[in-house]
Amino acid sequence: MLTTINFRISENQKEKLQVLAEEKDEKISTVLREIIENYLEDHDYKESKPKWDKHDFEVIYLDMDDF
């Protein structure tokens, strides 16, 4: 099941994402999904792990200057 996540970023970060998206001929949302998927894979989060309780969460900060 897909869900929506809303968050705020700086104008500078958005511009960097736009450049990445244009280079890949993709939408910013597609680029962000790829970044998040890669981050989760790199940190060994697998879909096979038990589902988090609805009250459990983790805050993930991505430094867009690294991309």
Protein backbone atom coordinates (compact mmCIF):
# COMPACT_ATOMS: atom_id res chain seq x y z
CA MET A 1 0.00 0.00 0.00
CA LEU A 2 1.27 3.46 -0.85
CA THR A 3 0.98 6.45 1.44
CA THR A 4 1.76 10.15 1.27
CA ILE A 5 4.41 11.97 3.29
CA ASN A 6 4.58 15.77 3.40
CA PHE A 7 7.61 17.72 4.56
CA ARG A 8 9.33 21.05 4.04
CA ILE A 9 12.74 21.69 2.53
CA SER A 10 14.66 24.82 1.67
CA GLU A 11 14.36 26.41 -1.75
CA ASN A 12 18.02 25.53 -2.35
CA GLN A 13 17.36 21.85 -1.62
CA LYS A 14 14.34 21.88 -3.91
CA GLU A 15 16.44 23.36 -6.71
CA LYS A 16 19.05 20.61 -6.25
CA LEU A 17 16.33 17.98 -6.38
CA GLN A 18 14.90 19.59 -9.50
CA VAL A 19 18.30 19.40 -11.21
CA LEU A 20 18.63 15.72 -10.26
CA ALA A 21 15.11 15.03 -11.51
CA GLU A 22 15.72 16.81 -14.81
CA GLU A 23 18.98 14.89 -15.33
CA LYS A 24 17.06 11.63 -14.91
CA ASP A 25 14.00 12.88 -16.81
CA GLU A 26 11.91 12.10 -13.72
CA LYS A 27 9.68 13.91 -11.25
CA ILE A 28 11.11 15.12 -7.94
CA SER A 29 8.86 12.63 -6.12
CA THR A 30 10.41 9.74 -8.07
CA VAL A 31 13.92 10.92 -7.20
CA LEU A 32 12.97 11.24 -3.52
CA ARG A 33 11.51 7.72 -3.50
CA GLU A 34 14.77 6.39 -4.95
CA ILE A 35 16.81 8.28 -2.33
CA ILE A 36 14.64 6.92 0.49
CA GLU A 37 14.68 3.37 -0.90
CA ASN A 38 18.48 3.47 -1.20
CA TYR A 39 18.81 4.86 2.33
CA LEU A 40 16.62 2.11 3.74
CA GLU A 41 18.49 -0.58 1.80
CA ASP A 42 21.83 0.80 2.99
CA HIS A 43 20.60 0.64 6.57
CA ASP A 44 19.24 -2.89 6.17
CA TYR A 45 15.54 -2.13 6.63
CA LYS A 46 13.75 -5.05 5.02
CA GLU A 47 10.09 -5.43 4.24
CA SER A 48 10.27 -8.82 5.92
CA LYS A 49 10.89 -7.22 9.30
CA PRO A 50 7.89 -7.10 11.60
CA LYS A 51 5.62 -4.12 11.03
CA TRP A 52 6.15 -1.27 13.46
CA ASP A 53 3.45 -0.58 15.94
CA LYS A 54 1.42 2.41 14.80
CA HIS A 55 3.01 4.41 17.64
CA ASP A 56 6.60 3.53 16.75
CA PHE A 57 8.46 5.80 14.36
CA GLU A 58 11.93 6.93 13.42
CA VAL A 59 12.93 10.38 12.28
CA ILE A 60 15.33 10.32 9.34
CA TYR A 61 17.25 13.43 8.37
CA LEU A 62 18.74 13.50 4.89
CA ASP A 63 21.33 16.13 4.13
CA MET A 64 20.51 17.17 0.57
CA ASP A 65 23.99 18.66 0.21
CA ASP A 66 25.25 15.06 -0.01
CA PHE A 67 23.34 14.47 -3.24
